[in-house]
């Protein structure tokens, strides 16, 4: 159900480089990551990057390696 901390960090790092990365103010490059969301699927990234593929934990653009 949940991925390791390393996988989550790798996923978040990938998300932060993406054009669809948004924080709660919907900014492209926010100063903090609380409330960060995916502009493509609208999911909260802190939760989505923690889940395995079986529980909807995959990038809608296919950018995550695991």
N, C-alpha and C. Protein backbone atom coordinates (compact mmCIF):
# COMPACT_ATOMS: atom_id res chain seq x y z
N UNK A 1 0.81 -1.19 0.00
CA UNK A 1 0.00 0.00 0.00
C UNK A 1 0.86 1.27 0.00
N UNK A 2 1.97 1.26 0.77
CA UNK A 2 2.84 2.43 0.85
C UNK A 2 4.23 2.12 0.30
N UNK A 3 4.85 3.11 -0.30
CA UNK A 3 6.21 2.96 -0.81
C UNK A 3 7.21 3.40 0.26
N UNK A 4 8.48 3.12 0.03
CA UNK A 4 9.52 3.51 0.99
C UNK A 4 9.72 5.03 0.97
N UNK A 5 10.41 5.53 1.98
CA UNK A 5 10.68 6.97 2.06
C UNK A 5 11.54 7.44 0.89
N UNK A 6 12.47 6.60 0.45
CA UNK A 6 13.33 6.95 -0.68
C UNK A 6 12.52 7.10 -1.96
N UNK A 7 11.61 6.16 -2.20
CA UNK A 7 10.77 6.22 -3.40
C UNK A 7 9.90 7.47 -3.36
N UNK A 8 9.33 7.76 -2.19
CA UNK A 8 8.50 8.96 -2.05
C UNK A 8 9.31 10.22 -2.34
N UNK A 9 10.53 10.29 -1.80
CA UNK A 9 11.38 11.47 -2.04
C UNK A 9 11.71 11.60 -3.53
N UNK A 10 12.04 10.49 -4.17
CA UNK A 10 12.35 10.51 -5.60
C UNK A 10 11.15 10.99 -6.41
N UNK A 11 9.97 10.52 -6.05
CA UNK A 11 8.75 10.94 -6.75
C UNK A 11 8.49 12.43 -6.56
N UNK A 12 8.62 12.91 -5.32
CA UNK A 12 8.40 14.34 -5.06
C UNK A 12 9.41 15.21 -5.80
N UNK A 13 10.66 14.74 -5.87
CA UNK A 13 11.68 15.49 -6.61
C UNK A 13 11.30 15.58 -8.08
N UNK A 14 10.78 14.49 -8.63
CA UNK A 14 10.33 14.49 -10.02
C UNK A 14 9.16 15.46 -10.20
N UNK A 15 8.23 15.44 -9.27
CA UNK A 15 7.06 16.32 -9.34
C UNK A 15 7.45 17.80 -9.29
N UNK A 16 8.42 18.11 -8.45
CA UNK A 16 8.83 19.51 -8.30
C UNK A 16 9.41 20.09 -9.58
N UNK A 17 9.91 19.24 -10.46
CA UNK A 17 10.48 19.69 -11.73
C UNK A 17 9.42 19.79 -12.83
N UNK A 18 8.23 19.28 -12.57
CA UNK A 18 7.17 19.19 -13.58
C UNK A 18 6.43 20.53 -13.73
N UNK A 19 5.97 20.82 -14.92
CA UNK A 19 5.20 22.04 -15.19
C UNK A 19 3.83 22.02 -14.52
N UNK A 20 3.35 20.86 -14.14
CA UNK A 20 2.04 20.74 -13.50
C UNK A 20 2.11 20.80 -11.97
N UNK A 21 3.29 21.00 -11.41
CA UNK A 21 3.46 21.09 -9.96
C UNK A 21 2.87 22.41 -9.46
N UNK A 22 2.00 22.31 -8.46
CA UNK A 22 1.35 23.50 -7.88
C UNK A 22 1.29 23.38 -6.36
N UNK A 23 1.38 24.51 -5.65
CA UNK A 23 1.11 24.50 -4.23
C UNK A 23 -0.32 24.97 -4.02
N UNK A 24 -0.74 25.17 -2.78
CA UNK A 24 -2.14 25.51 -2.53
C UNK A 24 -2.55 26.86 -3.13
N UNK A 25 -1.58 27.68 -3.48
CA UNK A 25 -1.88 28.95 -4.14
C UNK A 25 -1.84 28.81 -5.66
N UNK A 26 -1.59 27.57 -6.14
CA UNK A 26 -1.52 27.24 -7.55
C UNK A 26 -0.36 27.94 -8.25
N UNK A 27 0.75 28.10 -7.54
CA UNK A 27 1.95 28.67 -8.11
C UNK A 27 2.82 27.57 -8.72
N UNK A 28 3.52 27.87 -9.77
CA UNK A 28 4.39 26.86 -10.40
C UNK A 28 5.61 26.55 -9.55
N UNK A 29 6.23 27.54 -8.99
CA UNK A 29 7.43 27.35 -8.18
C UNK A 29 7.23 27.95 -6.79
N UNK A 30 6.53 27.24 -5.92
CA UNK A 30 6.26 27.77 -4.57
C UNK A 30 7.51 27.74 -3.70
N UNK A 31 7.47 28.52 -2.62
CA UNK A 31 8.58 28.56 -1.69
C UNK A 31 8.52 27.43 -0.67
N UNK A 32 7.38 26.82 -0.49
CA UNK A 32 7.23 25.68 0.42
C UNK A 32 6.34 24.64 -0.24
N UNK A 33 6.39 23.41 0.28
CA UNK A 33 5.70 22.31 -0.39
C UNK A 33 4.39 21.89 0.27
N UNK A 34 4.01 22.53 1.36
CA UNK A 34 2.75 22.14 2.01
C UNK A 34 1.58 22.42 1.09
N UNK A 35 0.72 21.44 0.94
CA UNK A 35 -0.45 21.61 0.09
C UNK A 35 -0.16 21.48 -1.38
N UNK A 36 1.00 20.94 -1.74
CA UNK A 36 1.35 20.80 -3.16
C UNK A 36 0.40 19.83 -3.84
N UNK A 37 0.00 20.19 -5.06
CA UNK A 37 -0.93 19.36 -5.83
C UNK A 37 -0.42 19.20 -7.25
N UNK A 38 -0.94 18.18 -7.90
CA UNK A 38 -0.66 17.97 -9.31
C UNK A 38 -1.69 18.75 -10.11
N UNK A 39 -1.23 19.58 -11.02
CA UNK A 39 -2.13 20.37 -11.85
C UNK A 39 -2.84 19.54 -12.90
N UNK A 40 -2.36 18.34 -13.15
CA UNK A 40 -2.96 17.46 -14.15
C UNK A 40 -4.13 16.66 -13.56
N UNK A 41 -3.91 16.00 -12.41
CA UNK A 41 -4.96 15.15 -11.81
C UNK A 41 -5.57 15.75 -10.55
N UNK A 42 -5.03 16.85 -10.05
CA UNK A 42 -5.51 17.57 -8.85
C UNK A 42 -5.29 16.83 -7.54
N UNK A 43 -4.48 15.79 -7.53
CA UNK A 43 -4.21 15.05 -6.29
C UNK A 43 -3.22 15.80 -5.41
N UNK A 44 -3.33 15.59 -4.11
CA UNK A 44 -2.35 16.12 -3.18
C UNK A 44 -1.11 15.25 -3.28
N UNK A 45 0.03 15.84 -3.59
CA UNK A 45 1.23 15.08 -3.88
C UNK A 45 1.82 14.38 -2.67
N UNK A 46 1.66 14.93 -1.47
CA UNK A 46 2.18 14.27 -0.29
C UNK A 46 1.53 12.90 -0.12
N UNK A 47 0.25 12.81 -0.40
CA UNK A 47 -0.47 11.54 -0.29
C UNK A 47 -0.21 10.65 -1.50
N UNK A 48 -0.30 11.21 -2.68
CA UNK A 48 -0.18 10.41 -3.91
C UNK A 48 1.20 9.77 -4.05
N UNK A 49 2.26 10.49 -3.69
CA UNK A 49 3.61 9.94 -3.83
C UNK A 49 3.90 8.84 -2.81
N UNK A 50 3.06 8.71 -1.81
CA UNK A 50 3.24 7.69 -0.78
C UNK A 50 2.62 6.35 -1.17
N UNK A 51 1.64 6.36 -2.06
CA UNK A 51 0.89 5.15 -2.39
C UNK A 51 1.51 4.34 -3.53
N UNK A 52 1.27 3.03 -3.48
CA UNK A 52 1.71 2.16 -4.57
C UNK A 52 0.75 2.27 -5.74
N UNK A 53 1.12 1.74 -6.89
CA UNK A 53 0.28 1.81 -8.08
C UNK A 53 -1.09 1.19 -7.87
N UNK A 54 -1.16 0.14 -7.07
CA UNK A 54 -2.43 -0.53 -6.81
C UNK A 54 -3.43 0.38 -6.11
N UNK A 55 -2.94 1.42 -5.44
CA UNK A 55 -3.80 2.36 -4.72
C UNK A 55 -3.73 3.75 -5.35
N UNK A 56 -3.69 3.81 -6.68
CA UNK A 56 -3.70 5.06 -7.44
C UNK A 56 -2.45 5.90 -7.26
N UNK A 57 -1.34 5.29 -6.85
CA UNK A 57 -0.09 6.02 -6.66
C UNK A 57 0.77 5.98 -7.89
N UNK A 58 0.32 6.60 -8.95
CA UNK A 58 1.14 6.69 -10.15
C UNK A 58 0.95 8.05 -10.80
N UNK A 59 1.99 8.49 -11.46
CA UNK A 59 1.96 9.79 -12.13
C UNK A 59 1.05 9.71 -13.36
N UNK A 60 0.13 10.65 -13.54
CA UNK A 60 -0.74 10.63 -14.71
C UNK A 60 0.02 10.85 -16.02
N UNK A 61 1.24 11.35 -15.92
CA UNK A 61 2.06 11.57 -17.11
C UNK A 61 3.12 10.48 -17.30
N UNK A 62 3.16 9.52 -16.37
CA UNK A 62 4.11 8.42 -16.47
C UNK A 62 5.55 8.81 -16.19
N UNK A 63 5.77 9.80 -15.35
CA UNK A 63 7.13 10.28 -15.08
C UNK A 63 7.85 9.55 -13.95
N UNK A 64 7.13 8.80 -13.12
CA UNK A 64 7.76 8.11 -12.01
C UNK A 64 8.34 6.79 -12.47
N UNK A 65 9.54 6.45 -11.99
CA UNK A 65 10.19 5.21 -12.36
C UNK A 65 9.57 4.02 -11.64
N UNK A 66 9.19 4.21 -10.38
CA UNK A 66 8.59 3.11 -9.60
C UNK A 66 7.18 3.44 -9.24
